């Protein structure tokens, strides 16, 4: 569950898949911006700069998976070197 907020642009060294379960917002991935809502499925290849914005006052429920498995807390700011 994430509150109404906007994550800073970042990337991961693994692939990420996100399914939006409730709430709505926007996903920035590379050069594209897409509205997301319940049922939206997002695939992010490794090292693709991205950020998710929850615009719903009730928050956004999502489920994510990473391949290879690892901590989603490990991310890199896309504006700095690793």
PDB file of N, CA and C in Angstrom:
ATOM      1  N   UNK A   1       0.841  -1.173   0.000  1.00  0.00           N
ATOM      2  CA  UNK A   1       0.000   0.000   0.000  1.00  0.00           C
ATOM      3  C   UNK A   1       0.886   1.236   0.000  1.00  0.00           C
ATOM      4  N   UNK A   2       0.660   2.146  -0.927  1.00  0.00           N
ATOM      5  CA  UNK A   2       1.409   3.396  -0.930  1.00  0.00           C
ATOM      6  C   UNK A   2       0.423   4.558  -0.792  1.00  0.00           C
ATOM      7  N   UNK A   3       0.801   5.577  -0.042  1.00  0.00           N
ATOM      8  CA  UNK A   3      -0.074   6.738   0.126  1.00  0.00           C
ATOM      9  C   UNK A   3      -0.025   7.646  -1.095  1.00  0.00           C
ATOM     10  N   UNK A   4      -0.878   8.639  -1.102  1.00  0.00           N
ATOM     11  CA  UNK A   4      -0.842   9.643  -2.170  1.00  0.00           C
ATOM     12  C   UNK A   4       0.548  10.283  -2.138  1.00  0.00           C
ATOM     13  N   UNK A   5       1.315  10.096  -3.212  1.00  0.00           N
ATOM     14  CA  UNK A   5       2.702  10.561  -3.258  1.00  0.00           C
ATOM     15  C   UNK A   5       3.261  10.337  -4.653  1.00  0.00           C
ATOM     16  N   UNK A   6       4.503  10.812  -4.861  1.00  0.00           N
ATOM     17  CA  UNK A   6       5.209  10.560  -6.124  1.00  0.00           C
ATOM     18  C   UNK A   6       6.626  10.118  -5.776  1.00  0.00           C
ATOM     19  N   UNK A   7       7.005   8.931  -6.222  1.00  0.00           N
ATOM     20  CA  UNK A   7       8.357   8.421  -5.975  1.00  0.00           C
ATOM     21  C   UNK A   7       9.349   9.202  -6.835  1.00  0.00           C
ATOM     22  N   UNK A   8      10.583   9.359  -6.363  1.00  0.00           N
ATOM     23  CA  UNK A   8      11.603   9.974  -7.215  1.00  0.00           C
ATOM     24  C   UNK A   8      11.972   9.016  -8.352  1.00  0.00           C
ATOM     25  N   UNK A   9      12.423   9.574  -9.468  1.00  0.00           N
ATOM     26  CA  UNK A   9      12.844   8.731 -10.580  1.00  0.00           C
ATOM     27  C   UNK A   9      14.032   7.879 -10.128  1.00  0.00           C
ATOM     28  N   UNK A  10      13.981   6.590 -10.457  1.00  0.00           N
ATOM     29  CA  UNK A  10      15.025   5.650 -10.061  1.00  0.00           C
ATOM     30  C   UNK A  10      15.001   4.467 -11.013  1.00  0.00           C
ATOM     31  N   UNK A  11      15.920   3.525 -10.818  1.00  0.00           N
ATOM     32  CA  UNK A  11      15.899   2.281 -11.582  1.00  0.00           C
ATOM     33  C   UNK A  11      16.438   1.158 -10.707  1.00  0.00           C
ATOM     34  N   UNK A  12      16.212  -0.058 -11.144  1.00  0.00           N
ATOM     35  CA  UNK A  12      16.687  -1.254 -10.451  1.00  0.00           C
ATOM     36  C   UNK A  12      17.582  -2.049 -11.406  1.00  0.00           C
ATOM     37  N   UNK A  13      18.423  -2.898 -10.858  1.00  0.00           N
ATOM     38  CA  UNK A  13      19.274  -3.744 -11.698  1.00  0.00           C
ATOM     39  C   UNK A  13      18.599  -5.082 -12.005  1.00  0.00           C
ATOM     40  N   UNK A  14      17.319  -5.181 -11.657  1.00  0.00           N
ATOM     41  CA  UNK A  14      16.544  -6.378 -11.988  1.00  0.00           C
ATOM     42  C   UNK A  14      15.261  -5.946 -12.703  1.00  0.00           C
ATOM     43  N   UNK A  15      14.564  -6.902 -13.300  1.00  0.00           N
ATOM     44  CA  UNK A  15      13.284  -6.613 -13.939  1.00  0.00           C
ATOM     45  C   UNK A  15      12.202  -6.501 -12.867  1.00  0.00           C
ATOM     46  N   UNK A  16      11.196  -5.669 -13.126  1.00  0.00           N
ATOM     47  CA  UNK A  16      10.118  -5.446 -12.157  1.00  0.00           C
ATOM     48  C   UNK A  16       8.774  -5.534 -12.865  1.00  0.00           C
ATOM     49  N   UNK A  17       7.814  -6.180 -12.228  1.00  0.00           N
ATOM     50  CA  UNK A  17       6.441  -6.224 -12.713  1.00  0.00           C
ATOM     51  C   UNK A  17       5.536  -5.729 -11.595  1.00  0.00           C
ATOM     52  N   UNK A  18       4.608  -4.841 -11.934  1.00  0.00           N
ATOM     53  CA  UNK A  18       3.687  -4.265 -10.955  1.00  0.00           C
ATOM     54  C   UNK A  18       2.260  -4.465 -11.443  1.00  0.00           C
ATOM     55  N   UNK A  19       1.367  -4.880 -10.541  1.00  0.00           N
ATOM     56  CA  UNK A  19      -0.065  -4.962 -10.829  1.00  0.00           C
ATOM     57  C   UNK A  19      -0.772  -4.009  -9.869  1.00  0.00           C
ATOM     58  N   UNK A  20      -1.557  -3.086 -10.405  1.00  0.00           N
ATOM     59  CA  UNK A  20      -2.314  -2.146  -9.582  1.00  0.00           C
ATOM     60  C   UNK A  20      -3.615  -2.835  -9.153  1.00  0.00           C
ATOM     61  N   UNK A  21      -3.814  -2.942  -7.842  1.00  0.00           N
ATOM     62  CA  UNK A  21      -5.001  -3.606  -7.297  1.00  0.00           C
ATOM     63  C   UNK A  21      -6.112  -2.611  -6.964  1.00  0.00           C
ATOM     64  N   UNK A  22      -5.744  -1.434  -6.455  1.00  0.00           N
ATOM     65  CA  UNK A  22      -6.732  -0.387  -6.164  1.00  0.00           C
ATOM     66  C   UNK A  22      -6.040   0.961  -6.234  1.00  0.00           C
ATOM     67  N   UNK A  23      -6.834   2.005  -6.400  1.00  0.00           N
ATOM     68  CA  UNK A  23      -6.292   3.350  -6.511  1.00  0.00           C
ATOM     69  C   UNK A  23      -5.947   3.692  -7.953  1.00  0.00           C
ATOM     70  N   UNK A  24      -5.483   4.912  -8.152  1.00  0.00           N
ATOM     71  CA  UNK A  24      -5.123   5.337  -9.500  1.00  0.00           C
ATOM     72  C   UNK A  24      -3.970   6.332  -9.431  1.00  0.00           C
ATOM     73  N   UNK A  25      -3.310   6.518 -10.571  1.00  0.00           N
ATOM     74  CA  UNK A  25      -2.189   7.441 -10.623  1.00  0.00           C
ATOM     75  C   UNK A  25      -1.544   7.437 -11.990  1.00  0.00           C
ATOM     76  N   UNK A  26      -0.227   7.696 -11.989  1.00  0.00           N
ATOM     77  CA  UNK A  26       0.547   7.743 -13.241  1.00  0.00           C
ATOM     78  C   UNK A  26       1.848   6.981 -13.068  1.00  0.00           C
ATOM     79  N   UNK A  27       2.302   6.387 -14.170  1.00  0.00           N
ATOM     80  CA  UNK A  27       3.595   5.715 -14.215  1.00  0.00           C
ATOM     81  C   UNK A  27       4.432   6.386 -15.291  1.00  0.00           C
ATOM     82  N   UNK A  28       5.605   6.859 -14.900  1.00  0.00           N
ATOM     83  CA  UNK A  28       6.591   7.368 -15.847  1.00  0.00           C
ATOM     84  C   UNK A  28       7.601   6.243 -16.050  1.00  0.00           C
ATOM     85  N   UNK A  29       7.866   5.883 -17.290  1.00  0.00           N
ATOM     86  CA  UNK A  29       8.848   4.834 -17.601  1.00  0.00           C
ATOM     87  C   UNK A  29       9.587   5.253 -18.860  1.00  0.00           C
ATOM     88  N   UNK A  30      10.868   5.547 -18.710  1.00  0.00           N
ATOM     89  CA  UNK A  30      11.613   6.048 -19.857  1.00  0.00           C
ATOM     90  C   UNK A  30      11.003   7.358 -20.320  1.00  0.00           C
ATOM     91  N   UNK A  31      10.604   7.426 -21.572  1.00  0.00           N
ATOM     92  CA  UNK A  31      10.026   8.645 -22.149  1.00  0.00           C
ATOM     93  C   UNK A  31       8.506   8.680 -22.095  1.00  0.00           C
ATOM     94  N   UNK A  32       7.854   7.622 -21.591  1.00  0.00           N
ATOM     95  CA  UNK A  32       6.390   7.569 -21.629  1.00  0.00           C
ATOM     96  C   UNK A  32       5.765   7.826 -20.256  1.00  0.00           C
ATOM     97  N   UNK A  33       4.543   8.349 -20.289  1.00  0.00           N
ATOM     98  CA  UNK A  33       3.729   8.568 -19.096  1.00  0.00           C
ATOM     99  C   UNK A  33       2.384   7.917 -19.357  1.00  0.00           C
ATOM    100  N   UNK A  34       1.924   7.089 -18.409  1.00  0.00           N
ATOM    101  CA  UNK A  34       0.684   6.346 -18.590  1.00  0.00           C
ATOM    102  C   UNK A  34      -0.166   6.431 -17.339  1.00  0.00           C
ATOM    103  N   UNK A  35      -1.464   6.650 -17.511  1.00  0.00           N
ATOM    104  CA  UNK A  35      -2.393   6.590 -16.390  1.00  0.00           C
ATOM    105  C   UNK A  35      -2.531   5.121 -15.982  1.00  0.00           C
ATOM    106  N   UNK A  36      -2.552   4.862 -14.672  1.00  0.00           N
ATOM    107  CA  UNK A  36      -2.730   3.492 -14.175  1.00  0.00           C
ATOM    108  C   UNK A  36      -3.918   3.456 -13.228  1.00  0.00           C
ATOM    109  N   UNK A  37      -4.573   2.302 -13.170  1.00  0.00           N
ATOM    110  CA  UNK A  37      -5.768   2.089 -12.343  1.00  0.00           C
ATOM    111  C   UNK A  37      -5.865   0.598 -12.034  1.00  0.00           C
ATOM    112  N   UNK A  38      -6.834   0.173 -11.235  1.00  0.00           N
ATOM    113  CA  UNK A  38      -6.943  -1.253 -10.932  1.00  0.00           C
ATOM    114  C   UNK A  38      -6.961  -2.100 -12.211  1.00  0.00           C
ATOM    115  N   UNK A  39      -6.134  -3.132 -12.216  1.00  0.00           N
ATOM    116  CA  UNK A  39      -6.010  -4.005 -13.380  1.00  0.00           C
ATOM    117  C   UNK A  39      -4.825  -3.672 -14.271  1.00  0.00           C
ATOM    118  N   UNK A  40      -4.236  -2.493 -14.084  1.00  0.00           N
ATOM    119  CA  UNK A  40      -3.059  -2.138 -14.890  1.00  0.00           C
ATOM    120  C   UNK A  40      -1.894  -3.046 -14.533  1.00  0.00           C
ATOM    121  N   UNK A  41      -1.208  -3.557 -15.557  1.00  0.00           N
ATOM    122  CA  UNK A  41      -0.009  -4.372 -15.379  1.00  0.00           C
ATOM    123  C   UNK A  41       1.152  -3.612 -16.011  1.00  0.00           C
ATOM    124  N   UNK A  42       2.241  -3.504 -15.276  1.00  0.00           N
ATOM    125  CA  UNK A  42       3.390  -2.726 -15.725  1.00  0.00           C
ATOM    126  C   UNK A  42       4.621  -3.621 -15.703  1.00  0.00           C
ATOM    127  N   UNK A  43       5.360  -3.668 -16.814  1.00  0.00           N
ATOM    128  CA  UNK A  43       6.628  -4.392 -16.870  1.00  0.00           C
ATOM    129  C   UNK A  43       7.739  -3.376 -17.054  1.00  0.00           C
ATOM    130  N   UNK A  44       8.738  -3.434 -16.193  1.00  0.00           N
ATOM    131  CA  UNK A  44       9.874  -2.509 -16.255  1.00  0.00           C
ATOM    132  C   UNK A  44      11.153  -3.316 -16.442  1.00  0.00           C
ATOM    133  N   UNK A  45      11.782  -3.213 -17.605  1.00  0.00           N
ATOM    134  CA  UNK A  45      13.056  -3.903 -17.810  1.00  0.00           C
ATOM    135  C   UNK A  45      14.120  -3.344 -16.871  1.00  0.00           C
ATOM    136  N   UNK A  46      15.143  -4.126 -16.605  1.00  0.00           N
ATOM    137  CA  UNK A  46      16.216  -3.661 -15.726  1.00  0.00           C
ATOM    138  C   UNK A  46      16.825  -2.366 -16.246  1.00  0.00           C
ATOM    139  N   UNK A  47      17.150  -1.494 -15.311  1.00  0.00           N
ATOM    140  CA  UNK A  47      17.816  -0.216 -15.548  1.00  0.00           C
ATOM    141  C   UNK A  47      16.982   0.821 -16.307  1.00  0.00           C
ATOM    142  N   UNK A  48      15.663   0.605 -16.441  1.00  0.00           N
ATOM    143  CA  UNK A  48      14.798   1.612 -17.059  1.00  0.00           C
ATOM    144  C   UNK A  48      14.402   2.640 -15.990  1.00  0.00           C
ATOM    145  N   UNK A  49      14.755   3.909 -16.166  1.00  0.00           N
ATOM    146  CA  UNK A  49      14.343   4.929 -15.198  1.00  0.00           C
ATOM    147  C   UNK A  49      12.814   5.007 -15.137  1.00  0.00           C
ATOM    148  N   UNK A  50      12.269   5.038 -13.923  1.00  0.00           N
ATOM    149  CA  UNK A  50      10.815   5.082 -13.751  1.00  0.00           C
ATOM    150  C   UNK A  50      10.447   5.723 -12.421  1.00  0.00           C
ATOM    151  N   UNK A  51       9.177   6.103 -12.315  1.00  0.00           N
ATOM    152  CA  UNK A  51       8.612   6.568 -11.051  1.00  0.00           C
ATOM    153  C   UNK A  51       7.106   6.388 -11.112  1.00  0.00           C
ATOM    154  N   UNK A  52       6.512   6.134  -9.960  1.00  0.00           N
ATOM    155  CA  UNK A  52       5.078   5.913  -9.846  1.00  0.00           C
ATOM    156  C   UNK A  52       4.491   7.016  -8.981  1.00  0.00           C
ATOM    157  N   UNK A  53       3.384   7.578  -9.430  1.00  0.00           N
ATOM    158  CA  UNK A  53       2.677   8.591  -8.660  1.00  0.00           C
ATOM    159  C   UNK A  53       1.294   8.070  -8.299  1.00  0.00           C
ATOM    160  N   UNK A  54       0.977   8.048  -7.008  1.00  0.00           N
ATOM    161  CA  UNK A  54      -0.369   7.721  -6.542  1.00  0.00           C
ATOM    162  C   UNK A  54      -1.127   9.029  -6.419  1.00  0.00           C
ATOM    163  N   UNK A  55      -2.226   9.171  -7.146  1.00  0.00           N
ATOM    164  CA  UNK A  55      -3.041  10.386  -7.098  1.00  0.00           C
ATOM    165  C   UNK A  55      -4.313  10.186  -6.280  1.00  0.00           C
ATOM    166  N   UNK A  56      -4.520   8.985  -5.757  1.00  0.00           N
ATOM    167  CA  UNK A  56      -5.738   8.638  -5.037  1.00  0.00           C
ATOM    168  C   UNK A  56      -5.593   8.981  -3.552  1.00  0.00           C
ATOM    169  N   UNK A  57      -6.519   9.751  -3.005  1.00  0.00           N
ATOM    170  CA  UNK A  57      -6.436  10.134  -1.589  1.00  0.00           C
ATOM    171  C   UNK A  57      -6.520   8.911  -0.670  1.00  0.00           C
ATOM    172  N   UNK A  58      -7.094   7.818  -1.149  1.00  0.00           N
ATOM    173  CA  UNK A  58      -7.187   6.584  -0.359  1.00  0.00           C
ATOM    174  C   UNK A  58      -5.940   5.724  -0.467  1.00  0.00           C
ATOM    175  N   UNK A  59      -4.993   6.122  -1.297  1.00  0.00           N
ATOM    176  CA  UNK A  59      -3.783   5.336  -1.498  1.00  0.00           C
ATOM    177  C   UNK A  59      -3.927   4.364  -2.655  1.00  0.00           C
ATOM    178  N   UNK A  60      -2.868   3.627  -2.904  1.00  0.00           N
ATOM    179  CA  UNK A  60      -2.837   2.662  -3.997  1.00  0.00           C
ATOM    180  C   UNK A  60      -2.308   1.328  -3.468  1.00  0.00           C
ATOM    181  N   UNK A  61      -3.051   0.276  -3.725  1.00  0.00           N
ATOM    182  CA  UNK A  61      -2.622  -1.067  -3.372  1.00  0.00           C
ATOM    183  C   UNK A  61      -2.046  -1.694  -4.630  1.00  0.00           C
ATOM    184  N   UNK A  62      -0.858  -2.273  -4.498  1.00  0.00           N
ATOM    185  CA  UNK A  62      -0.240  -2.923  -5.646  1.00  0.00           C
ATOM    186  C   UNK A  62       0.531  -4.146  -5.189  1.00  0.00           C
ATOM    187  N   UNK A  63       0.855  -4.971  -6.145  1.00  0.00           N
ATOM    188  CA  UNK A  63       1.721  -6.115  -5.883  1.00  0.00           C
ATOM    189  C   UNK A  63       2.824  -6.069  -6.938  1.00  0.00           C
ATOM    190  N   UNK A  64       4.040  -6.329  -6.500  1.00  0.00           N
ATOM    191  CA  UNK A  64       5.163  -6.277  -7.419  1.00  0.00           C
ATOM    192  C   UNK A  64       6.041  -7.504  -7.287  1.00  0.00           C
ATOM    193  N   UNK A  65       6.724  -7.828  -8.363  1.00  0.00           N
ATOM    194  CA  UNK A  65       7.691  -8.922  -8.323  1.00  0.00           C
ATOM    195  C   UNK A  65       8.961  -8.477  -9.039  1.00  0.00           C
ATOM    196  N   UNK A  66      10.076  -9.051  -8.619  1.00  0.00           N
ATOM    197  CA  UNK A  66      11.385  -8.710  -9.158  1.00  0.00           C
ATOM    198  C   UNK A  66      12.085  -9.977  -9.634  1.00  0.00           C
ATOM    199  N   UNK A  67      12.782  -9.873 -10.769  1.00  0.00           N
ATOM    200  CA  UNK A  67      13.559 -11.004 -11.290  1.00  0.00           C
ATOM    201  C   UNK A  67      14.917 -10.501 -11.757  1.00  0.00           C
ATOM    202  N   UNK A  68      15.987 -11.108 -11.309  1.00  0.00           N
ATOM    203  CA  UNK A  68      16.001 -12.144 -10.276  1.00  0.00           C
ATOM    204  C   UNK A  68      15.554 -11.574  -8.940  1.00  0.00           C
ATOM    205  N   UNK A  69      15.154 -12.466  -8.060  1.00  0.00           N
ATOM    206  CA  UNK A  69      14.629 -12.061  -6.758  1.00  0.00           C
ATOM    207  C   UNK A  69      15.642 -11.192  -6.027  1.00  0.00           C
ATOM    208  N   UNK A  70      15.125 -10.274  -5.272  1.00  0.00           N
ATOM    209  CA  UNK A  70      15.980  -9.385  -4.500  1.00  0.00           C
ATOM    210  C   UNK A  70      15.135  -8.361  -3.778  1.00  0.00           C
ATOM    211  N   UNK A  71      15.773  -7.475  -3.095  1.00  0.00           N
ATOM    212  CA  UNK A  71      15.075  -6.454  -2.330  1.00  0.00           C
ATOM    213  C   UNK A  71      14.649  -5.301  -3.230  1.00  0.00           C
ATOM    214  N   UNK A  72      13.355  -4.935  -3.225  1.00  0.00           N
ATOM    215  CA  UNK A  72      12.923  -3.776  -4.001  1.00  0.00           C
ATOM    216  C   UNK A  72      13.448  -2.471  -3.408  1.00  0.00           C
ATOM    217  N   UNK A  73      13.978  -2.526  -2.194  1.00  0.00           N
ATOM    218  CA  UNK A  73      14.543  -1.332  -1.572  1.00  0.00           C
ATOM    219  C   UNK A  73      15.861  -0.939  -2.232  1.00  0.00           C
ATOM    220  N   UNK A  74      16.474  -1.863  -2.958  1.00  0.00           N
ATOM    221  CA  UNK A  74      17.726  -1.541  -3.643  1.00  0.00           C
ATOM    222  C   UNK A  74      17.379  -0.898  -4.978  1.00  0.00           C
ATOM    223  N   UNK A  75      17.541   0.400  -5.035  1.00  0.00           N
ATOM    224  CA  UNK A  75      17.286   1.125  -6.276  1.00  0.00           C
ATOM    225  C   UNK A  75      18.363   2.185  -6.428  1.00  0.00           C
ATOM    226  N   UNK A  76      18.471   2.698  -7.620  1.00  0.00           N
ATOM    227  CA  UNK A  76      19.507   3.659  -7.927  1.00  0.00           C
ATOM    228  C   UNK A  76      18.862   4.913  -8.489  1.00  0.00           C
ATOM    229  N   UNK A  77      19.330   6.053  -8.045  1.00  0.00           N
ATOM    230  CA  UNK A  77      18.850   7.323  -8.570  1.00  0.00           C
ATOM    231  C   UNK A  77      19.297   7.416 -10.008  1.00  0.00           C
ATOM    232  N   UNK A  78      18.379   7.694 -10.905  1.00  0.00           N
ATOM    233  CA  UNK A  78      18.746   7.710 -12.321  1.00  0.00           C
ATOM    234  C   UNK A  78      19.567   8.942 -12.699  1.00  0.00           C
ATOM    235  N   UNK A  79      19.731   9.872 -11.778  1.00  0.00           N
ATOM    236  CA  UNK A  79      20.518  11.073 -12.065  1.00  0.00           C
ATOM    237  C   UNK A  79      21.955  10.977 -11.549  1.00  0.00           C
ATOM    238  N   UNK A  80      22.336   9.843 -10.963  1.00  0.00           N
ATOM    239  CA  UNK A  80      23.691   9.681 -10.446  1.00  0.00           C
ATOM    240  C   UNK A  80      24.283   8.370 -10.920  1.00  0.00           C
ATOM    241  N   UNK A  81      25.586   8.248 -10.840  1.00  0.00           N
ATOM    242  CA  UNK A  81      26.253   6.995 -11.185  1.00  0.00           C
ATOM    243  C   UNK A  81      26.029   5.986 -10.082  1.00  0.00           C
ATOM    244  N   UNK A  82      26.167   4.713 -10.432  1.00  0.00           N
ATOM    245  CA  UNK A  82      26.019   3.646  -9.427  1.00  0.00           C
ATOM    246  C   UNK A  82      27.248   3.535  -8.596  1.00  0.00           C
TER     247      UNK A  82
END
